[in-house]
Every structure is written in structure tokens, then in C-alpha cells.
Amino acid sequence: QYFLRFMGWDGFVLSSDVVLCLRNAGCDIAVAPTSKKDLRKAQEQMNAWARESGLSMLHVSRICALSIGDNHAAEKLADMGSEEQDA
């Protein structure tokens, strides 16, 4: 998924936050969706949101990823990155 997006494909990435967003919206998928049934349900929901919003799949995916889960202030992320480099 990441490689295809890097190559310019307009698709979504099923990160843990995107899956959490889908499940929170009522999409009946597993915590780690790998079955064809779960992947089809995720695709259908992402397609619906893209149609409704007029946004690309990439944007819908990013909005999902950033709308739920742990979000940190930029300063905290910078501190976390510098701690990893020091180690």
C-alpha cells in the first residue's frame, strides 16, 4: 500500500488508525483486516467517503488516520524524534 501510494496511485493505507476510524464509523471489519470480506468492506466505505466528499482516496485516508488515535503536538513529535536519534 505504501509503495503504490509512493508511486502515485490514489489509494488508502490500512494503518491501525485508519482501521480504527473505519470501525468507529460502523464498518464491521476485524482489528487486523486481512480477509477478502474485510478488505472489500473497507474499500466500499472508503469509496463512499471519497464520493461523498469529492476528495481523493489519499486525502480520505489521511483524514481518517489523523482524526482518531494518538495525535501529538509538533513539539512533542520533534522531541520524540531527537530522543530516538540520541539513542
PDB file of N, CA and C in Angstrom:
ATOM      1  N   GLN A   1       0.813  -1.187   0.000  1.00  0.00           N
ATOM      2  CA  GLN A   1       0.000   0.000   0.000  1.00  0.00           C
ATOM      3  C   GLN A   1       0.860   1.256   0.000  1.00  0.00           C
ATOM      4  N   TYR A   2       1.911   1.261   0.816  1.00  0.00           N
ATOM      5  CA  TYR A   2       2.785   2.427   0.877  1.00  0.00           C
ATOM      6  C   TYR A   2       3.539   2.599  -0.438  1.00  0.00           C
ATOM      7  N   PHE A   3       4.012   1.508  -1.022  1.00  0.00           N
ATOM      8  CA  PHE A   3       4.739   1.582  -2.278  1.00  0.00           C
ATOM      9  C   PHE A   3       3.851   2.129  -3.392  1.00  0.00           C
ATOM     10  N   LEU A   4       2.620   1.624  -3.468  1.00  0.00           N
ATOM     11  CA  LEU A   4       1.706   2.107  -4.502  1.00  0.00           C
ATOM     12  C   LEU A   4       1.415   3.595  -4.328  1.00  0.00           C
ATOM     13  N   ARG A   5       1.230   4.023  -3.104  1.00  0.00           N
ATOM     14  CA  ARG A   5       0.999   5.452  -2.875  1.00  0.00           C
ATOM     15  C   ARG A   5       2.230   6.255  -3.263  1.00  0.00           C
ATOM     16  N   PHE A   6       3.411   5.768  -2.924  1.00  0.00           N
ATOM     17  CA  PHE A   6       4.659   6.445  -3.288  1.00  0.00           C
ATOM     18  C   PHE A   6       4.775   6.580  -4.802  1.00  0.00           C
ATOM     19  N   MET A   7       4.283   5.583  -5.530  1.00  0.00           N
ATOM     20  CA  MET A   7       4.352   5.604  -6.989  1.00  0.00           C
ATOM     21  C   MET A   7       3.246   6.460  -7.621  1.00  0.00           C
ATOM     22  N   GLY A   8       2.375   7.058  -6.800  1.00  0.00           N
ATOM     23  CA  GLY A   8       1.358   7.959  -7.307  1.00  0.00           C
ATOM     24  C   GLY A   8      -0.031   7.379  -7.411  1.00  0.00           C
ATOM     25  N   TRP A   9      -0.219   6.143  -6.974  1.00  0.00           N
ATOM     26  CA  TRP A   9      -1.545   5.519  -7.006  1.00  0.00           C
ATOM     27  C   TRP A   9      -2.418   6.167  -5.948  1.00  0.00           C
ATOM     28  N   ASP A  10      -3.630   6.522  -6.340  1.00  0.00           N
ATOM     29  CA  ASP A  10      -4.558   7.159  -5.399  1.00  0.00           C
ATOM     30  C   ASP A  10      -5.281   6.070  -4.613  1.00  0.00           C
ATOM     31  N   GLY A  11      -4.717   5.688  -3.507  1.00  0.00           N
ATOM     32  CA  GLY A  11      -5.305   4.632  -2.702  1.00  0.00           C
ATOM     33  C   GLY A  11      -5.187   4.956  -1.233  1.00  0.00           C
ATOM     34  N   PHE A  12      -5.725   4.063  -0.433  1.00  0.00           N
ATOM     35  CA  PHE A  12      -5.679   4.255   1.016  1.00  0.00           C
ATOM     36  C   PHE A  12      -4.735   3.237   1.636  1.00  0.00           C
ATOM     37  N   VAL A  13      -4.285   3.555   2.826  1.00  0.00           N
ATOM     38  CA  VAL A  13      -3.410   2.672   3.586  1.00  0.00           C
ATOM     39  C   VAL A  13      -4.168   2.245   4.836  1.00  0.00           C
ATOM     40  N   LEU A  14      -4.258   0.947   5.061  1.00  0.00           N
ATOM     41  CA  LEU A  14      -4.966   0.440   6.230  1.00  0.00           C
ATOM     42  C   LEU A  14      -4.045   0.415   7.449  1.00  0.00           C
ATOM     43  N   SER A  15      -3.652   1.601   7.890  1.00  0.00           N
ATOM     44  CA  SER A  15      -2.875   1.703   9.122  1.00  0.00           C
ATOM     45  C   SER A  15      -3.804   1.415  10.290  1.00  0.00           C
ATOM     46  N   SER A  16      -3.240   1.264  11.462  1.00  0.00           N
ATOM     47  CA  SER A  16      -4.073   0.958  12.630  1.00  0.00           C
ATOM     48  C   SER A  16      -5.077   2.072  12.905  1.00  0.00           C
ATOM     49  N   ASP A  17      -4.691   3.337  12.681  1.00  0.00           N
ATOM     50  CA  ASP A  17      -5.619   4.442  12.906  1.00  0.00           C
ATOM     51  C   ASP A  17      -6.730   4.472  11.863  1.00  0.00           C
ATOM     52  N   VAL A  18      -6.420   4.139  10.608  1.00  0.00           N
ATOM     53  CA  VAL A  18      -7.455   4.098   9.568  1.00  0.00           C
ATOM     54  C   VAL A  18      -8.440   2.977   9.878  1.00  0.00           C
ATOM     55  N   VAL A  19      -7.937   1.832  10.304  1.00  0.00           N
ATOM     56  CA  VAL A  19      -8.819   0.723  10.680  1.00  0.00           C
ATOM     57  C   VAL A  19      -9.694   1.140  11.865  1.00  0.00           C
ATOM     58  N   LEU A  20      -9.113   1.800  12.845  1.00  0.00           N
ATOM     59  CA  LEU A  20      -9.875   2.276  13.998  1.00  0.00           C
ATOM     60  C   LEU A  20     -10.957   3.262  13.561  1.00  0.00           C
ATOM     61  N   CYS A  21     -10.642   4.142  12.641  1.00  0.00           N
ATOM     62  CA  CYS A  21     -11.607   5.103  12.121  1.00  0.00           C
ATOM     63  C   CYS A  21     -12.747   4.384  11.404  1.00  0.00           C
ATOM     64  N   LEU A  22     -12.417   3.396  10.575  1.00  0.00           N
ATOM     65  CA  LEU A  22     -13.443   2.627   9.869  1.00  0.00           C
ATOM     66  C   LEU A  22     -14.357   1.908  10.855  1.00  0.00           C
ATOM     67  N   ARG A  23     -13.750   1.259  11.848  1.00  0.00           N
ATOM     68  CA  ARG A  23     -14.539   0.531  12.842  1.00  0.00           C
ATOM     69  C   ARG A  23     -15.405   1.496  13.661  1.00  0.00           C
ATOM     70  N   ASN A  24     -14.857   2.658  13.999  1.00  0.00           N
ATOM     71  CA  ASN A  24     -15.590   3.660  14.760  1.00  0.00           C
ATOM     72  C   ASN A  24     -16.794   4.190  13.968  1.00  0.00           C
ATOM     73  N   ALA A  25     -16.690   4.189  12.659  1.00  0.00           N
ATOM     74  CA  ALA A  25     -17.775   4.658  11.791  1.00  0.00           C
ATOM     75  C   ALA A  25     -18.814   3.571  11.534  1.00  0.00           C
ATOM     76  N   GLY A  26     -18.599   2.383  12.092  1.00  0.00           N
ATOM     77  CA  GLY A  26     -19.576   1.318  11.961  1.00  0.00           C
ATOM     78  C   GLY A  26     -19.251   0.277  10.918  1.00  0.00           C
ATOM     79  N   CYS A  27     -18.082   0.366  10.320  1.00  0.00           N
ATOM     80  CA  CYS A  27     -17.668  -0.636   9.337  1.00  0.00           C
ATOM     81  C   CYS A  27     -17.278  -1.906  10.103  1.00  0.00           C
ATOM     82  N   ASP A  28     -17.978  -2.988   9.825  1.00  0.00           N
ATOM     83  CA  ASP A  28     -17.785  -4.247  10.555  1.00  0.00           C
ATOM     84  C   ASP A  28     -16.597  -5.013   9.981  1.00  0.00           C
ATOM     85  N   ILE A  29     -15.391  -4.624  10.415  1.00  0.00           N
ATOM     86  CA  ILE A  29     -14.165  -5.296   9.975  1.00  0.00           C
ATOM     87  C   ILE A  29     -13.345  -5.698  11.195  1.00  0.00           C
ATOM     88  N   ALA A  30     -12.435  -6.623  10.978  1.00  0.00           N
ATOM     89  CA  ALA A  30     -11.569  -7.097  12.058  1.00  0.00           C
ATOM     90  C   ALA A  30     -10.563  -6.009  12.456  1.00  0.00           C
ATOM     91  N   VAL A  31      -9.983  -6.163  13.632  1.00  0.00           N
ATOM     92  CA  VAL A  31      -8.959  -5.226  14.105  1.00  0.00           C
ATOM     93  C   VAL A  31      -7.756  -5.237  13.159  1.00  0.00           C
ATOM     94  N   ALA A  32      -7.452  -6.397  12.629  1.00  0.00           N
ATOM     95  CA  ALA A  32      -6.391  -6.533  11.625  1.00  0.00           C
ATOM     96  C   ALA A  32      -7.028  -7.143  10.365  1.00  0.00           C
ATOM     97  N   PRO A  33      -7.627  -6.302   9.520  1.00  0.00           N
ATOM     98  CA  PRO A  33      -8.373  -6.822   8.379  1.00  0.00           C
ATOM     99  C   PRO A  33      -7.459  -7.410   7.300  1.00  0.00           C
ATOM    100  N   THR A  34      -7.595  -8.705   7.082  1.00  0.00           N
ATOM    101  CA  THR A  34      -6.809  -9.365   6.036  1.00  0.00           C
ATOM    102  C   THR A  34      -7.682 -10.219   5.123  1.00  0.00           C
ATOM    103  N   SER A  35      -8.885 -10.554   5.568  1.00  0.00           N
ATOM    104  CA  SER A  35      -9.753 -11.396   4.747  1.00  0.00           C
ATOM    105  C   SER A  35     -10.302 -10.582   3.569  1.00  0.00           C
ATOM    106  N   LYS A  36     -10.660 -11.265   2.515  1.00  0.00           N
ATOM    107  CA  LYS A  36     -11.237 -10.587   1.348  1.00  0.00           C
ATOM    108  C   LYS A  36     -12.508  -9.838   1.739  1.00  0.00           C
ATOM    109  N   LYS A  37     -13.278 -10.426   2.629  1.00  0.00           N
ATOM    110  CA  LYS A  37     -14.527  -9.811   3.075  1.00  0.00           C
ATOM    111  C   LYS A  37     -14.251  -8.480   3.783  1.00  0.00           C
ATOM    112  N   ASP A  38     -13.291  -8.472   4.703  1.00  0.00           N
ATOM    113  CA  ASP A  38     -12.946  -7.244   5.422  1.00  0.00           C
ATOM    114  C   ASP A  38     -12.358  -6.198   4.486  1.00  0.00           C
ATOM    115  N   LEU A  39     -11.488  -6.620   3.592  1.00  0.00           N
ATOM    116  CA  LEU A  39     -10.874  -5.679   2.658  1.00  0.00           C
ATOM    117  C   LEU A  39     -11.923  -5.081   1.726  1.00  0.00           C
ATOM    118  N   ARG A  40     -12.896  -5.876   1.306  1.00  0.00           N
ATOM    119  CA  ARG A  40     -13.974  -5.379   0.452  1.00  0.00           C
ATOM    120  C   ARG A  40     -14.817  -4.352   1.203  1.00  0.00           C
ATOM    121  N   LYS A  41     -15.131  -4.635   2.474  1.00  0.00           N
ATOM    122  CA  LYS A  41     -15.908  -3.694   3.280  1.00  0.00           C
ATOM    123  C   LYS A  41     -15.156  -2.375   3.476  1.00  0.00           C
ATOM    124  N   ALA A  42     -13.866  -2.473   3.753  1.00  0.00           N
ATOM    125  CA  ALA A  42     -13.054  -1.262   3.917  1.00  0.00           C
ATOM    126  C   ALA A  42     -13.032  -0.471   2.616  1.00  0.00           C
ATOM    127  N   GLN A  43     -12.843  -1.143   1.482  1.00  0.00           N
ATOM    128  CA  GLN A  43     -12.820  -0.485   0.177  1.00  0.00           C
ATOM    129  C   GLN A  43     -14.149   0.208  -0.108  1.00  0.00           C
ATOM    130  N   GLU A  44     -15.246  -0.475   0.186  1.00  0.00           N
ATOM    131  CA  GLU A  44     -16.571   0.107  -0.049  1.00  0.00           C
ATOM    132  C   GLU A  44     -16.781   1.374   0.778  1.00  0.00           C
ATOM    133  N   GLN A  45     -16.369   1.338   2.046  1.00  0.00           N
ATOM    134  CA  GLN A  45     -16.539   2.521   2.899  1.00  0.00           C
ATOM    135  C   GLN A  45     -15.654   3.665   2.433  1.00  0.00           C
ATOM    136  N   MET A  46     -14.415   3.373   2.089  1.00  0.00           N
ATOM    137  CA  MET A  46     -13.513   4.422   1.607  1.00  0.00           C
ATOM    138  C   MET A  46     -14.027   5.011   0.287  1.00  0.00           C
ATOM    139  N   ASN A  47     -14.549   4.156  -0.601  1.00  0.00           N
ATOM    140  CA  ASN A  47     -15.133   4.646  -1.857  1.00  0.00           C
ATOM    141  C   ASN A  47     -16.311   5.574  -1.581  1.00  0.00           C
ATOM    142  N   ALA A  48     -17.156   5.186  -0.628  1.00  0.00           N
ATOM    143  CA  ALA A  48     -18.326   6.008  -0.288  1.00  0.00           C
ATOM    144  C   ALA A  48     -17.894   7.371   0.241  1.00  0.00           C
ATOM    145  N   TRP A  49     -16.908   7.382   1.144  1.00  0.00           N
ATOM    146  CA  TRP A  49     -16.436   8.656   1.683  1.00  0.00           C
ATOM    147  C   TRP A  49     -15.793   9.515   0.605  1.00  0.00           C
ATOM    148  N   ALA A  50     -15.060   8.908  -0.305  1.00  0.00           N
ATOM    149  CA  ALA A  50     -14.433   9.665  -1.398  1.00  0.00           C
ATOM    150  C   ALA A  50     -15.508  10.273  -2.299  1.00  0.00           C
ATOM    151  N   ARG A  51     -16.547   9.487  -2.606  1.00  0.00           N
ATOM    152  CA  ARG A  51     -17.649  10.005  -3.436  1.00  0.00           C
ATOM    153  C   ARG A  51     -18.377  11.146  -2.731  1.00  0.00           C
ATOM    154  N   GLU A  52     -18.703  10.940  -1.449  1.00  0.00           N
ATOM    155  CA  GLU A  52     -19.450  11.943  -0.688  1.00  0.00           C
ATOM    156  C   GLU A  52     -18.682  13.247  -0.546  1.00  0.00           C
ATOM    157  N   SER A  53     -17.382  13.142  -0.324  1.00  0.00           N
ATOM    158  CA  SER A  53     -16.574  14.329  -0.051  1.00  0.00           C
ATOM    159  C   SER A  53     -16.005  14.971  -1.308  1.00  0.00           C
ATOM    160  N   GLY A  54     -15.892  14.191  -2.387  1.00  0.00           N
ATOM    161  CA  GLY A  54     -15.249  14.700  -3.591  1.00  0.00           C
ATOM    162  C   GLY A  54     -13.733  14.738  -3.475  1.00  0.00           C
ATOM    163  N   LEU A  55     -13.207  14.148  -2.411  1.00  0.00           N
ATOM    164  CA  LEU A  55     -11.761  14.122  -2.187  1.00  0.00           C
ATOM    165  C   LEU A  55     -11.156  12.851  -2.764  1.00  0.00           C
ATOM    166  N   SER A  56      -9.868  12.889  -2.978  1.00  0.00           N
ATOM    167  CA  SER A  56      -9.163  11.694  -3.447  1.00  0.00           C
ATOM    168  C   SER A  56      -9.102  10.665  -2.327  1.00  0.00           C
ATOM    169  N   MET A  57      -8.856   9.427  -2.703  1.00  0.00           N
ATOM    170  CA  MET A  57      -8.730   8.351  -1.715  1.00  0.00           C
ATOM    171  C   MET A  57      -7.565   8.644  -0.766  1.00  0.00           C
ATOM    172  N   LEU A  58      -6.494   9.210  -1.289  1.00  0.00           N
ATOM    173  CA  LEU A  58      -5.341   9.565  -0.462  1.00  0.00           C
ATOM    174  C   LEU A  58      -5.756  10.538   0.641  1.00  0.00           C
ATOM    175  N   HIS A  59      -6.526  11.565   0.278  1.00  0.00           N
ATOM    176  CA  HIS A  59      -6.947  12.549   1.275  1.00  0.00           C
ATOM    177  C   HIS A  59      -7.898  11.939   2.307  1.00  0.00           C
ATOM    178  N   VAL A  60      -8.820  11.115   1.849  1.00  0.00           N
ATOM    179  CA  VAL A  60      -9.755  10.474   2.778  1.00  0.00           C
ATOM    180  C   VAL A  60      -8.988   9.600   3.766  1.00  0.00           C
ATOM    181  N   SER A  61      -8.006   8.862   3.257  1.00  0.00           N
ATOM    182  CA  SER A  61      -7.189   8.002   4.102  1.00  0.00           C
ATOM    183  C   SER A  61      -6.426   8.814   5.148  1.00  0.00           C
ATOM    184  N   ARG A  62      -5.833   9.912   4.727  1.00  0.00           N
ATOM    185  CA  ARG A  62      -5.068  10.755   5.652  1.00  0.00           C
ATOM    186  C   ARG A  62      -5.980  11.380   6.711  1.00  0.00           C
ATOM    187  N   ILE A  63      -7.167  11.821   6.288  1.00  0.00           N
ATOM    188  CA  ILE A  63      -8.114  12.399   7.242  1.00  0.00           C
ATOM    189  C   ILE A  63      -8.506  11.353   8.278  1.00  0.00           C
ATOM    190  N   CYS A  64      -8.761  10.130   7.824  1.00  0.00           N
ATOM    191  CA  CYS A  64      -9.091   9.042   8.762  1.00  0.00           C
ATOM    192  C   CYS A  64      -7.948   8.823   9.747  1.00  0.00           C
ATOM    193  N   ALA A  65      -6.736   8.746   9.210  1.00  0.00           N
ATOM    194  CA  ALA A  65      -5.571   8.458  10.050  1.00  0.00           C
ATOM    195  C   ALA A  65      -5.347   9.538  11.100  1.00  0.00           C
ATOM    196  N   LEU A  66      -5.621  10.780  10.741  1.00  0.00           N
ATOM    197  CA  LEU A  66      -5.353  11.883  11.663  1.00  0.00           C
ATOM    198  C   LEU A  66      -6.539  12.247  12.546  1.00  0.00           C
ATOM    199  N   SER A  67      -7.696  11.640  12.306  1.00  0.00           N
ATOM    200  CA  SER A  67      -8.886  12.027  13.060  1.00  0.00           C
ATOM    201  C   SER A  67      -9.137  11.172  14.293  1.00  0.00           C
ATOM    202  N   ILE A  68      -8.338  10.135  14.480  1.00  0.00           N
ATOM    203  CA  ILE A  68      -8.579   9.222  15.592  1.00  0.00           C
ATOM    204  C   ILE A  68      -7.232   8.678  16.070  1.00  0.00           C
ATOM    205  N   GLY A  69      -7.204   8.165  17.269  1.00  0.00           N
ATOM    206  CA  GLY A  69      -5.952   7.611  17.793  1.00  0.00           C
ATOM    207  C   GLY A  69      -5.115   8.674  18.467  1.00  0.00           C
ATOM    208  N   ASP A  70      -3.860   8.359  18.712  1.00  0.00           N
ATOM    209  CA  ASP A  70      -2.957   9.290  19.381  1.00  0.00           C
ATOM    210  C   ASP A  70      -2.438  10.326  18.398  1.00  0.00           C
ATOM    211  N   ASN A  71      -2.736  11.585  18.677  1.00  0.00           N
ATOM    212  CA  ASN A  71      -2.199  12.694  17.902  1.00  0.00           C
ATOM    213  C   ASN A  71      -1.404  13.562  18.863  1.00  0.00           C
ATOM    214  N   HIS A  72      -0.186  13.888  18.474  1.00  0.00           N
ATOM    215  CA  HIS A  72       0.713  14.629  19.346  1.00  0.00           C
ATOM    216  C   HIS A  72       1.028  15.993  18.749  1.00  0.00           C
ATOM    217  N   ALA A  73       1.320  16.937  19.604  1.00  0.00           N
ATOM    218  CA  ALA A  73       1.735  18.265  19.156  1.00  0.00           C
ATOM    219  C   ALA A  73       3.057  18.152  18.417  1.00  0.00           C
ATOM    220  N   ALA A  74       3.294  19.075  17.499  1.00  0.00           N
ATOM    221  CA  ALA A  74       4.517  19.062  16.695  1.00  0.00           C
ATOM    222  C   ALA A  74       5.763  19.094  17.576  1.00  0.00           C
ATOM    223  N   GLU A  75       5.705  19.855  18.657  1.00  0.00           N
ATOM    224  CA  GLU A  75       6.856  19.956  19.549  1.00  0.00           C
ATOM    225  C   GLU A  75       7.177  18.605  20.186  1.00  0.00           C
ATOM    226  N   LYS A  76       6.139  17.881  20.587  1.00  0.00           N
ATOM    227  CA  LYS A  76       6.347  16.570  21.206  1.00  0.00           C
ATOM    228  C   LYS A  76       6.932  15.589  20.192  1.00  0.00           C
ATOM    229  N   LEU A  77       6.436  15.638  18.958  1.00  0.00           N
ATOM    230  CA  LEU A  77       6.979  14.764  17.919  1.00  0.00           C
ATOM    231  C   LEU A  77       8.445  15.066  17.654  1.00  0.00           C
ATOM    232  N   ALA A  78       8.801  16.348  17.660  1.00  0.00           N
ATOM    233  CA  ALA A  78      10.194  16.730  17.456  1.00  0.00           C
ATOM    234  C   ALA A  78      11.058  16.211  18.594  1.00  0.00           C
ATOM    235  N   ASP A  79      10.555  16.327  19.831  1.00  0.00           N
ATOM    236  CA  ASP A  79      11.287  15.805  20.985  1.00  0.00           C
ATOM    237  C   ASP A  79      11.444  14.291  20.902  1.00  0.00           C
ATOM    238  N   MET A  80      10.375  13.604  20.502  1.00  0.00           N
ATOM    239  CA  MET A  80      10.428  12.149  20.378  1.00  0.00           C
ATOM    240  C   MET A  80      11.442  11.750  19.313  1.00  0.00           C
ATOM    241  N   GLY A  81      11.507  12.500  18.233  1.00  0.00           N
ATOM    242  CA  GLY A  81      12.472  12.183  17.164  1.00  0.00           C
ATOM    243  C   GLY A  81      13.895  12.409  17.606  1.00  0.00           C
ATOM    244  N   SER A  82      14.138  13.462  18.383  1.00  0.00           N
ATOM    245  CA  SER A  82      15.509  13.737  18.840  1.00  0.00           C
ATOM    246  C   SER A  82      15.943  12.706  19.864  1.00  0.00           C
ATOM    247  N   GLU A  83      15.016  12.189  20.664  1.00  0.00           N
ATOM    248  CA  GLU A  83      15.350  11.143  21.637  1.00  0.00           C
ATOM    249  C   GLU A  83      15.775   9.877  20.929  1.00  0.00           C
ATOM    250  N   GLU A  84      15.108   9.546  19.811  1.00  0.00           N
ATOM    251  CA  GLU A  84      15.447   8.335  19.059  1.00  0.00           C
ATOM    252  C   GLU A  84      16.811   8.484  18.420  1.00  0.00           C
ATOM    253  N   GLN A  85      17.155   9.670  17.951  1.00  0.00           N
ATOM    254  CA  GLN A  85      18.455   9.879  17.320  1.00  0.00           C
ATOM    255  C   GLN A  85      19.573   9.811  18.336  1.00  0.00           C
ATOM    256  N   ASP A  86      19.302  10.237  19.591  1.00  0.00           N
ATOM    257  CA  ASP A  86      20.317  10.214  20.637  1.00  0.00           C
ATOM    258  C   ASP A  86      20.635   8.781  21.081  1.00  0.00           C
ATOM    259  N   ALA A  87      19.693   7.871  20.910  1.00  0.00           N
ATOM    260  CA  ALA A  87      19.869   6.501  21.389  1.00  0.00           C
ATOM    261  C   ALA A  87      20.806   5.702  20.540  1.00  0.00           C
TER     262      ALA A  87
END
